[in-house]
Amino acid sequence: MTRREIHDNPDTPLTVILSPSSHTNHTTVMMGVSWQTPDQKVFIEEHLPAYFQHLPDGTVKSAFWPDFFNKWFKAWPLPEPSPTSSRRR
């Protein structure tokens, strides 16, 4: 799979994923607006080597994700729920 990014407008970067189809000679193009901010994208990319280090020994769930999310939510905390937000009862 090949990933290309288009930055015609820096406020709405698009990611294009080119995926060769297994049953045809055509390439499928999937485009969408990026969900993460530029800083979040850098954060994710900086943590990819650690993710891949944990894959062979199966410790992604127990060692990588807890550390990753701890750092993520320190950098980007969840907003406090508003009084009008729906609550589960």
C-alpha atoms as a PDB file:
ATOM      1  CA  MET A   1       0.000   0.000   0.000  1.00  0.00           C
ATOM      2  CA  THR A   2       1.341   3.408  -0.932  1.00  0.00           C
ATOM      3  CA  ARG A   3       0.427   6.525   1.003  1.00  0.00           C
ATOM      4  CA  ARG A   4       0.587   9.983  -0.488  1.00  0.00           C
ATOM      5  CA  GLU A   5      -0.437  13.251   1.069  1.00  0.00           C
ATOM      6  CA  ILE A   6      -1.820  16.242  -0.741  1.00  0.00           C
ATOM      7  CA  HIS A   7      -1.344  19.627   0.893  1.00  0.00           C
ATOM      8  CA  ASP A   8      -3.091  22.040  -1.475  1.00  0.00           C
ATOM      9  CA  ASN A   9      -4.740  23.636   1.527  1.00  0.00           C
ATOM     10  CA  PRO A  10      -2.709  23.348   4.763  1.00  0.00           C
ATOM     11  CA  ASP A  11      -5.900  23.644   6.843  1.00  0.00           C
ATOM     12  CA  THR A  12      -7.397  20.497   5.327  1.00  0.00           C
ATOM     13  CA  PRO A  13      -4.666  18.061   4.309  1.00  0.00           C
ATOM     14  CA  LEU A  14      -5.868  15.036   2.418  1.00  0.00           C
ATOM     15  CA  THR A  15      -4.372  11.595   2.664  1.00  0.00           C
ATOM     16  CA  VAL A  16      -4.576   9.449  -0.434  1.00  0.00           C
ATOM     17  CA  ILE A  17      -4.013   5.730  -0.021  1.00  0.00           C
ATOM     18  CA  LEU A  18      -3.242   3.823  -3.179  1.00  0.00           C
ATOM     19  CA  SER A  19      -4.101   0.187  -2.753  1.00  0.00           C
ATOM     20  CA  PRO A  20      -3.531  -2.273  -5.591  1.00  0.00           C
ATOM     21  CA  SER A  21      -6.560  -4.505  -5.958  1.00  0.00           C
ATOM     22  CA  SER A  22      -5.862  -8.222  -5.639  1.00  0.00           C
ATOM     23  CA  HIS A  23      -8.356  -9.200  -8.341  1.00  0.00           C
ATOM     24  CA  THR A  24      -7.688  -6.527 -10.980  1.00  0.00           C
ATOM     25  CA  ASN A  25      -4.787  -4.574 -12.381  1.00  0.00           C
ATOM     26  CA  HIS A  26      -6.355  -1.310 -11.211  1.00  0.00           C
ATOM     27  CA  THR A  27      -5.444   0.842  -8.242  1.00  0.00           C
ATOM     28  CA  THR A  28      -8.080   1.959  -5.757  1.00  0.00           C
ATOM     29  CA  VAL A  29      -7.790   5.544  -4.562  1.00  0.00           C
ATOM     30  CA  MET A  30      -9.280   6.434  -1.181  1.00  0.00           C
ATOM     31  CA  MET A  31      -9.298  10.074  -0.140  1.00  0.00           C
ATOM     32  CA  GLY A  32     -10.450  11.756   3.028  1.00  0.00           C
ATOM     33  CA  VAL A  33      -9.835  14.682   5.289  1.00  0.00           C
ATOM     34  CA  SER A  34      -7.270  13.993   7.968  1.00  0.00           C
ATOM     35  CA  TRP A  35      -8.778  13.569  11.453  1.00  0.00           C
ATOM     36  CA  GLN A  36      -5.651  14.572  13.364  1.00  0.00           C
ATOM     37  CA  THR A  37      -3.991  17.942  13.734  1.00  0.00           C
ATOM     38  CA  PRO A  38      -0.464  18.415  12.347  1.00  0.00           C
ATOM     39  CA  ASP A  39       0.952  18.143  15.905  1.00  0.00           C
ATOM     40  CA  GLN A  40      -0.998  14.932  16.543  1.00  0.00           C
ATOM     41  CA  LYS A  41       0.255  13.491  13.278  1.00  0.00           C
ATOM     42  CA  VAL A  42       3.862  14.202  14.290  1.00  0.00           C
ATOM     43  CA  PHE A  43       3.205  12.617  17.695  1.00  0.00           C
ATOM     44  CA  ILE A  44       1.807   9.458  16.078  1.00  0.00           C
ATOM     45  CA  GLU A  45       4.652   9.215  13.586  1.00  0.00           C
ATOM     46  CA  GLU A  46       7.236   9.650  16.356  1.00  0.00           C
ATOM     47  CA  HIS A  47       5.710   6.681  18.205  1.00  0.00           C
ATOM     48  CA  LEU A  48       5.615   4.314  15.226  1.00  0.00           C
ATOM     49  CA  PRO A  49       9.110   2.865  15.856  1.00  0.00           C
ATOM     50  CA  ALA A  50       8.124   1.897  19.420  1.00  0.00           C
ATOM     51  CA  TYR A  51       4.904   0.340  18.113  1.00  0.00           C
ATOM     52  CA  PHE A  52       6.830  -1.794  15.635  1.00  0.00           C
ATOM     53  CA  GLN A  53       9.328  -2.813  18.329  1.00  0.00           C
ATOM     54  CA  HIS A  54       6.478  -4.255  20.414  1.00  0.00           C
ATOM     55  CA  LEU A  55       4.875  -6.206  17.552  1.00  0.00           C
ATOM     56  CA  PRO A  56       7.207  -9.243  17.433  1.00  0.00           C
ATOM     57  CA  ASP A  57       6.871 -10.089  21.119  1.00  0.00           C
ATOM     58  CA  GLY A  58       3.147  -9.312  21.309  1.00  0.00           C
ATOM     59  CA  THR A  59       3.459  -6.537  23.904  1.00  0.00           C
ATOM     60  CA  VAL A  60       1.705  -3.784  21.934  1.00  0.00           C
ATOM     61  CA  LYS A  61      -1.423  -4.056  24.089  1.00  0.00           C
ATOM     62  CA  SER A  62       0.318  -4.335  27.439  1.00  0.00           C
ATOM     63  CA  ALA A  63       3.368  -2.108  26.938  1.00  0.00           C
ATOM     64  CA  PHE A  64       2.899   0.245  23.993  1.00  0.00           C
ATOM     65  CA  TRP A  65      -0.721   1.437  24.194  1.00  0.00           C
ATOM     66  CA  PRO A  66      -0.768   2.394  27.906  1.00  0.00           C
ATOM     67  CA  ASP A  67       2.324   4.572  27.480  1.00  0.00           C
ATOM     68  CA  PHE A  68       1.099   6.008  24.181  1.00  0.00           C
ATOM     69  CA  PHE A  69      -2.339   6.989  25.508  1.00  0.00           C
ATOM     70  CA  ASN A  70      -0.907   8.354  28.743  1.00  0.00           C
ATOM     71  CA  LYS A  71       1.273  10.742  26.727  1.00  0.00           C
ATOM     72  CA  TRP A  72      -1.524  11.451  24.202  1.00  0.00           C
ATOM     73  CA  PHE A  73      -4.058  12.541  26.815  1.00  0.00           C
ATOM     74  CA  LYS A  74      -1.473  14.660  28.614  1.00  0.00           C
ATOM     75  CA  ALA A  75      -0.904  16.523  25.364  1.00  0.00           C
ATOM     76  CA  TRP A  76      -4.575  16.548  24.276  1.00  0.00           C
ATOM     77  CA  PRO A  77      -6.878  16.065  27.260  1.00  0.00           C
ATOM     78  CA  LEU A  78     -10.509  15.247  26.684  1.00  0.00           C
ATOM     79  CA  PRO A  79     -12.863  18.178  27.239  1.00  0.00           C
ATOM     80  CA  GLU A  80     -14.999  18.173  30.353  1.00  0.00           C
ATOM     81  CA  PRO A  81     -18.527  16.881  29.659  1.00  0.00           C
ATOM     82  CA  SER A  82     -21.052  19.654  29.293  1.00  0.00           C
ATOM     83  CA  PRO A  83     -24.272  19.660  31.329  1.00  0.00           C
ATOM     84  CA  THR A  84     -26.207  19.178  28.116  1.00  0.00           C
ATOM     85  CA  SER A  85     -24.186  16.220  26.873  1.00  0.00           C
ATOM     86  CA  SER A  86     -25.992  12.915  26.906  1.00  0.00           C
ATOM     87  CA  ARG A  87     -25.277  10.646  29.846  1.00  0.00           C
ATOM     88  CA  ARG A  88     -25.718   6.915  30.074  1.00  0.00           C
ATOM     89  CA  ARG A  89     -28.001   5.836  32.825  1.00  0.00           C
END
